[in-house]
Amino acid sequence: MSAADVPAGELVSGELTLTGRITTASNATFLGAIGDTPVVYKPVAGEAPLWDFPAGTLARREVAAHLVSEALGWDIVPRTWLRDGPFGEGMVQLWQEQDPEQDAVDLFPADEVPASGWLTVLEGEDEDGNRLVLAHEDSAALRRMAVFDVIVNNADRKGAHILAMPGGHRHGVDHGLTFHVADKLRTVLWGWLGEALSEEERDGVARVLDGLDGELGQGLAELLGAEEVEALAERCAQLLDDGIFPAPSGLTPAVPWPLF
């Protein structure tokens, strides 16, 4: 049985055993297992305080992001749920083993950016004055992630939050800084700025908007504030009306820092 097929009851009630800790994360993040299923566990008690997000809400935002991902139908966010753990309630997510030979986002010397298949996001210099370019792949999987980030208002799409999976699929992780009512979009995925959404992308956004009147809306109401769900609906409607990938608002830095 694959991890994705493990019954929900087992994942919620089975013993969560910790096996390690990701020390580079800004919030307490542990590796663990439920039976034979490897997972990531982020307890609410380990969330660092933020000036612009309410305390103790990041785990619920991660679960809400998974619900939106499911409504889109693009398998962007790995299976994510709330449950008790060794350090109290937290977010638990299926561990994903990415392909170490692939990078969906990368830094290149300015004269070494691939001639095709990659899109430039920004240019800069290192401490020695060498010109560098931040670029990401031009793929349908990454475009879908960029659409997802717009509607959930992702304030933290770093390069390291994109998992390059075998076969070309791309997972997005670390969605605690999402669903703010103010424009907070910070991402390294700006390569399609101004391009028209595809029919598939528009259909996905429409599914989310329609779902807010049904099961999706009911699920999100248990995880987010009413004004945050309303803001999600407004972003979906605006994206469909505009029909293009938006530009940075100018109200917040366009990219997160660090970039990875």
Protein backbone atom coordinates (compact mmCIF):
# COMPACT_ATOMS: atom_id res chain seq x y z
CA MET A 1 0.00 0.00 0.00
CA SER A 2 1.38 3.42 -0.93
CA ALA A 3 1.43 6.23 1.63
CA ALA A 4 -1.30 8.05 -0.29
CA ASP A 5 -3.62 5.05 0.15
CA VAL A 6 -3.27 4.65 3.92
CA PRO A 7 -6.74 4.96 5.54
CA ALA A 8 -7.43 8.36 7.09
CA GLY A 9 -8.39 6.81 10.42
CA GLU A 10 -4.98 5.19 10.78
CA LEU A 11 -3.21 8.45 9.97
CA VAL A 12 -5.24 10.39 12.53
CA SER A 13 -5.25 7.89 15.40
CA GLY A 14 -2.14 5.75 14.81
CA GLU A 15 0.90 6.37 16.97
CA LEU A 16 3.09 9.19 15.66
CA THR A 17 6.73 8.38 16.36
CA LEU A 18 9.37 11.07 15.86
CA THR A 19 12.54 10.10 14.02
CA GLY A 20 14.33 13.42 13.53
CA ARG A 21 14.08 17.19 13.24
CA ILE A 22 14.56 19.58 10.33
CA THR A 23 16.74 22.19 12.02
CA THR A 24 16.77 24.65 9.11
CA ALA A 25 13.01 25.31 9.36
CA SER A 26 11.83 28.56 10.97
CA ASN A 27 9.15 26.68 12.93
CA ALA A 28 9.57 23.42 14.84
CA THR A 29 9.46 20.71 12.15
CA PHE A 30 9.92 17.02 12.88
CA LEU A 31 10.31 13.91 10.77
CA GLY A 32 8.25 11.00 11.97
CA ALA A 33 6.28 7.93 11.07
CA ILE A 34 2.78 6.57 11.61
CA GLY A 35 3.30 2.85 11.31
CA ASP A 36 5.29 2.47 8.11
CA THR A 37 4.19 5.83 6.69
CA PRO A 38 6.81 8.61 6.84
CA VAL A 39 5.46 12.05 7.70
CA VAL A 40 6.37 15.61 8.62
CA TYR A 41 4.94 16.98 11.88
CA LYS A 42 4.74 20.68 12.79
CA PRO A 43 3.22 21.26 16.24
CA VAL A 44 1.29 24.46 16.86
CA ALA A 45 3.35 24.91 20.04
CA GLY A 46 6.48 25.22 17.88
CA GLU A 47 5.22 28.02 15.64
CA ALA A 48 7.31 31.18 15.81
CA PRO A 49 5.30 34.36 16.49
CA LEU A 50 4.74 36.65 13.50
CA TRP A 51 3.66 40.27 13.41
CA ASP A 52 1.26 39.85 10.50
CA PHE A 53 -0.34 36.43 11.08
CA PRO A 54 -2.41 35.46 14.15
CA ALA A 55 -0.56 33.24 16.60
CA GLY A 56 -1.22 29.52 16.52
CA THR A 57 -2.83 29.45 13.06
CA LEU A 58 -0.08 28.25 10.73
CA ALA A 59 -0.87 24.53 11.00
CA ARG A 60 -4.49 25.17 10.09
CA ARG A 61 -3.42 27.26 7.10
CA GLU A 62 -1.31 24.34 5.89
CA VAL A 63 -4.32 22.04 6.04
CA ALA A 64 -6.49 24.66 4.32
CA ALA A 65 -3.91 24.89 1.52
CA HIS A 66 -4.23 21.14 1.00
CA LEU A 67 -8.02 21.43 0.75
CA VAL A 68 -7.67 24.09 -1.96
CA SER A 69 -5.10 21.95 -3.75
CA GLU A 70 -7.56 19.04 -3.74
CA ALA A 71 -10.31 21.27 -5.14
CA LEU A 72 -8.01 22.39 -7.95
CA GLY A 73 -7.38 18.73 -8.76
CA TRP A 74 -3.65 19.20 -9.45
CA ASP A 75 -2.06 17.34 -6.50
CA ILE A 76 0.12 20.30 -5.57
CA VAL A 77 0.09 19.93 -1.78
CA PRO A 78 0.80 16.47 -0.34
CA ARG A 79 -1.89 14.96 1.89
CA THR A 80 -2.06 17.14 5.03
CA TRP A 81 -4.19 16.95 8.17
CA LEU A 82 -4.46 18.06 11.80
CA ARG A 83 -3.89 15.64 14.65
CA ASP A 84 -2.34 15.31 18.09
CA GLY A 85 1.33 14.43 18.36
CA PRO A 86 4.12 14.23 20.92
CA PHE A 87 4.11 18.04 21.29
CA GLY A 88 0.36 18.56 20.99
CA GLU A 89 -1.87 19.38 18.05
CA GLY A 90 -0.13 20.09 14.81
CA MET A 91 -0.01 19.71 11.06
CA VAL A 92 1.01 16.33 9.68
CA GLN A 93 1.90 15.82 6.03
CA LEU A 94 3.00 12.81 4.02
CA TRP A 95 6.74 12.88 3.45
CA GLN A 96 7.80 13.23 -0.20
CA GLU A 97 11.08 11.82 -1.50
CA GLN A 98 12.14 14.26 -4.17
CA ASP A 99 14.50 13.59 -7.06
CA PRO A 100 17.98 14.88 -6.08
CA GLU A 101 18.91 15.18 -9.76
CA GLN A 102 16.21 17.77 -10.49
CA ASP A 103 15.76 21.44 -9.57
CA ALA A 104 12.65 23.38 -10.56
CA VAL A 105 14.21 26.69 -9.44
CA ASP A 106 17.91 27.53 -9.57
CA LEU A 107 20.55 30.26 -9.53
CA PHE A 108 22.74 30.47 -12.64
CA PRO A 109 25.74 32.56 -13.66
CA ALA A 110 24.27 35.13 -16.03
CA ASP A 111 25.90 33.55 -19.08
CA GLU A 112 24.81 30.00 -18.21
CA VAL A 113 21.01 30.27 -18.12
CA PRO A 114 19.57 27.50 -20.33
CA ALA A 115 18.50 28.86 -23.72
CA SER A 116 15.11 27.14 -23.56
CA GLY A 117 12.80 25.66 -20.96
CA TRP A 118 13.65 28.21 -18.25
CA LEU A 119 12.26 31.65 -17.36
CA THR A 120 14.21 34.44 -15.69
CA VAL A 121 12.74 35.92 -12.51
CA LEU A 122 15.42 38.37 -11.39
CA GLU A 123 19.08 39.25 -11.81
CA GLY A 124 21.64 40.29 -9.24
CA GLU A 125 25.26 40.04 -8.11
CA ASP A 126 27.09 37.93 -5.57
CA GLU A 127 29.57 39.34 -3.03
CA ASP A 128 32.29 39.27 -5.69
CA GLY A 129 30.29 41.21 -8.25
CA ASN A 130 29.49 38.21 -10.44
CA ARG A 131 26.16 38.48 -12.27
CA LEU A 132 23.61 35.84 -11.22
CA VAL A 133 20.13 34.98 -12.51
CA LEU A 134 17.29 33.38 -10.57
CA ALA A 135 15.23 31.28 -12.98
CA HIS A 136 12.61 28.56 -12.86
CA GLU A 137 11.59 25.89 -15.30
CA ASP A 138 8.82 26.62 -17.78
CA SER A 139 6.55 23.65 -17.09
CA ALA A 140 2.83 23.04 -16.80
CA ALA A 141 3.30 21.63 -13.28
CA LEU A 142 5.03 24.79 -12.07
CA ARG A 143 2.49 27.05 -13.80
CA ARG A 144 -0.27 25.29 -11.88
CA MET A 145 1.64 25.90 -8.66
CA ALA A 146 1.92 29.59 -9.52
CA VAL A 147 -1.87 29.75 -10.01
CA PHE A 148 -2.34 28.00 -6.66
CA ASP A 149 -0.05 30.53 -4.96
CA VAL A 150 -2.04 33.45 -6.35
CA ILE A 151 -5.38 32.24 -5.03
CA VAL A 152 -4.11 31.15 -1.59
CA ASN A 153 -2.04 34.36 -1.35
CA ASN A 154 1.18 32.52 -0.57
CA ALA A 155 3.67 34.79 1.18
CA ASP A 156 6.50 32.25 1.22
CA ARG A 157 7.05 30.39 -2.08
CA LYS A 158 10.78 29.86 -1.75
CA GLY A 159 12.68 27.67 -4.18
CA ALA A 160 13.19 25.09 -1.43
CA HIS A 161 9.42 24.88 -0.95
CA ILE A 162 9.09 23.27 -4.39
CA LEU A 163 9.79 19.55 -4.43
CA ALA A 164 10.93 18.18 -7.79
CA MET A 165 9.52 14.67 -7.94
CA PRO A 166 10.54 11.80 -10.21
CA GLY A 167 8.61 11.88 -13.47
CA GLY A 168 8.31 15.67 -13.57
CA HIS A 169 5.61 16.24 -10.95
CA ARG A 170 6.09 19.16 -8.58
CA HIS A 171 4.83 19.35 -5.00
CA GLY A 172 4.57 22.54 -2.99
CA VAL A 173 5.15 22.50 0.78
CA ASP A 174 5.34 24.94 3.71
CA HIS A 175 2.05 26.80 3.34
CA GLY A 176 1.70 28.31 6.80
CA LEU A 177 1.90 31.86 5.43
CA THR A 178 -1.21 31.76 3.27
CA PHE A 179 -4.79 33.11 3.16
CA HIS A 180 -4.04 36.55 4.59
CA VAL A 181 -6.73 39.08 3.70
CA ALA A 182 -4.11 41.62 2.60
CA ASP A 183 -1.99 41.09 -0.52
CA LYS A 184 1.02 39.08 0.67
CA LEU A 185 2.06 37.21 -2.50
CA ARG A 186 5.81 36.58 -2.34
CA THR A 187 7.10 33.96 -4.74
CA VAL A 188 9.99 32.94 -6.97
CA LEU A 189 7.49 31.93 -9.68
CA TRP A 190 7.04 35.18 -11.60
CA GLY A 191 8.11 33.88 -15.01
CA TRP A 192 4.62 33.93 -16.55
CA LEU A 193 3.73 37.47 -15.48
CA GLY A 194 1.10 38.88 -17.82
CA GLU A 195 0.52 35.61 -19.72
CA ALA A 196 -3.02 34.38 -20.24
CA LEU A 197 -4.29 31.52 -18.11
CA SER A 198 -4.89 28.30 -19.98
CA GLU A 199 -8.34 26.76 -20.13
CA GLU A 200 -7.20 24.08 -17.68
CA GLU A 201 -5.96 26.72 -15.23
CA ARG A 202 -9.18 28.72 -15.47
CA ASP A 203 -11.22 25.56 -14.92
CA GLY A 204 -9.22 24.77 -11.79
CA VAL A 205 -9.78 28.23 -10.30
CA ALA A 206 -13.49 27.97 -11.15
CA ARG A 207 -13.69 24.64 -9.30
CA VAL A 208 -12.31 26.30 -6.18
CA LEU A 209 -14.71 29.24 -6.46
CA ASP A 210 -17.69 26.90 -6.93
CA GLY A 211 -16.49 24.67 -4.09
CA LEU A 212 -16.59 27.54 -1.62
CA ASP A 213 -20.37 27.25 -1.69
CA GLY A 214 -20.16 23.57 -0.77
CA GLU A 215 -17.85 21.04 0.85
CA LEU A 216 -14.67 23.08 0.34
CA GLY A 217 -16.22 26.12 1.99
CA GLN A 218 -17.40 24.03 4.92
CA GLY A 219 -13.94 22.56 5.41
CA LEU A 220 -12.20 25.92 5.20
CA ALA A 221 -14.65 27.47 7.68
CA GLU A 222 -13.22 25.12 10.33
CA LEU A 223 -9.67 26.26 9.60
CA LEU A 224 -9.78 29.94 8.60
CA GLY A 225 -11.62 33.09 9.56
CA ALA A 226 -14.74 34.03 7.60
CA GLU A 227 -13.01 37.10 6.18
CA GLU A 228 -10.13 34.92 4.96
CA VAL A 229 -12.47 32.59 3.11
CA GLU A 230 -14.22 35.60 1.59
CA ALA A 231 -10.86 37.01 0.47
CA LEU A 232 -10.06 33.65 -1.18
CA ALA A 233 -13.30 33.86 -3.16
CA GLU A 234 -12.47 37.42 -4.20
CA ARG A 235 -9.00 36.42 -5.41
CA CYS A 236 -10.45 33.55 -7.45
CA ALA A 237 -13.06 35.81 -9.03
CA GLN A 238 -10.46 38.50 -9.78
CA LEU A 239 -8.08 36.02 -11.37
CA LEU A 240 -10.86 34.68 -13.60
CA ASP A 241 -11.94 38.19 -14.55
CA ASP A 242 -8.39 39.29 -15.41
CA GLY A 243 -7.50 36.01 -17.08
CA ILE A 244 -3.73 36.56 -16.74
CA PHE A 245 -0.95 35.87 -14.27
CA PRO A 246 -0.84 38.99 -12.07
CA ALA A 247 2.08 41.33 -11.52
CA PRO A 248 3.49 42.07 -8.05
CA SER A 249 1.26 44.50 -6.19
CA GLY A 250 4.13 46.69 -4.99
CA LEU A 251 2.63 46.59 -1.50
CA THR A 252 5.03 43.88 -0.33
CA PRO A 253 8.38 42.49 -1.54
CA ALA A 254 7.77 40.41 -4.66
CA VAL A 255 10.03 37.54 -3.60
CA PRO A 256 10.61 35.87 -0.22
CA TRP A 257 13.96 36.05 1.53
CA PRO A 258 15.97 33.99 1.53
CA LEU A 259 15.09 32.80 -1.97
CA PHE A 260 15.64 29.14 -1.09
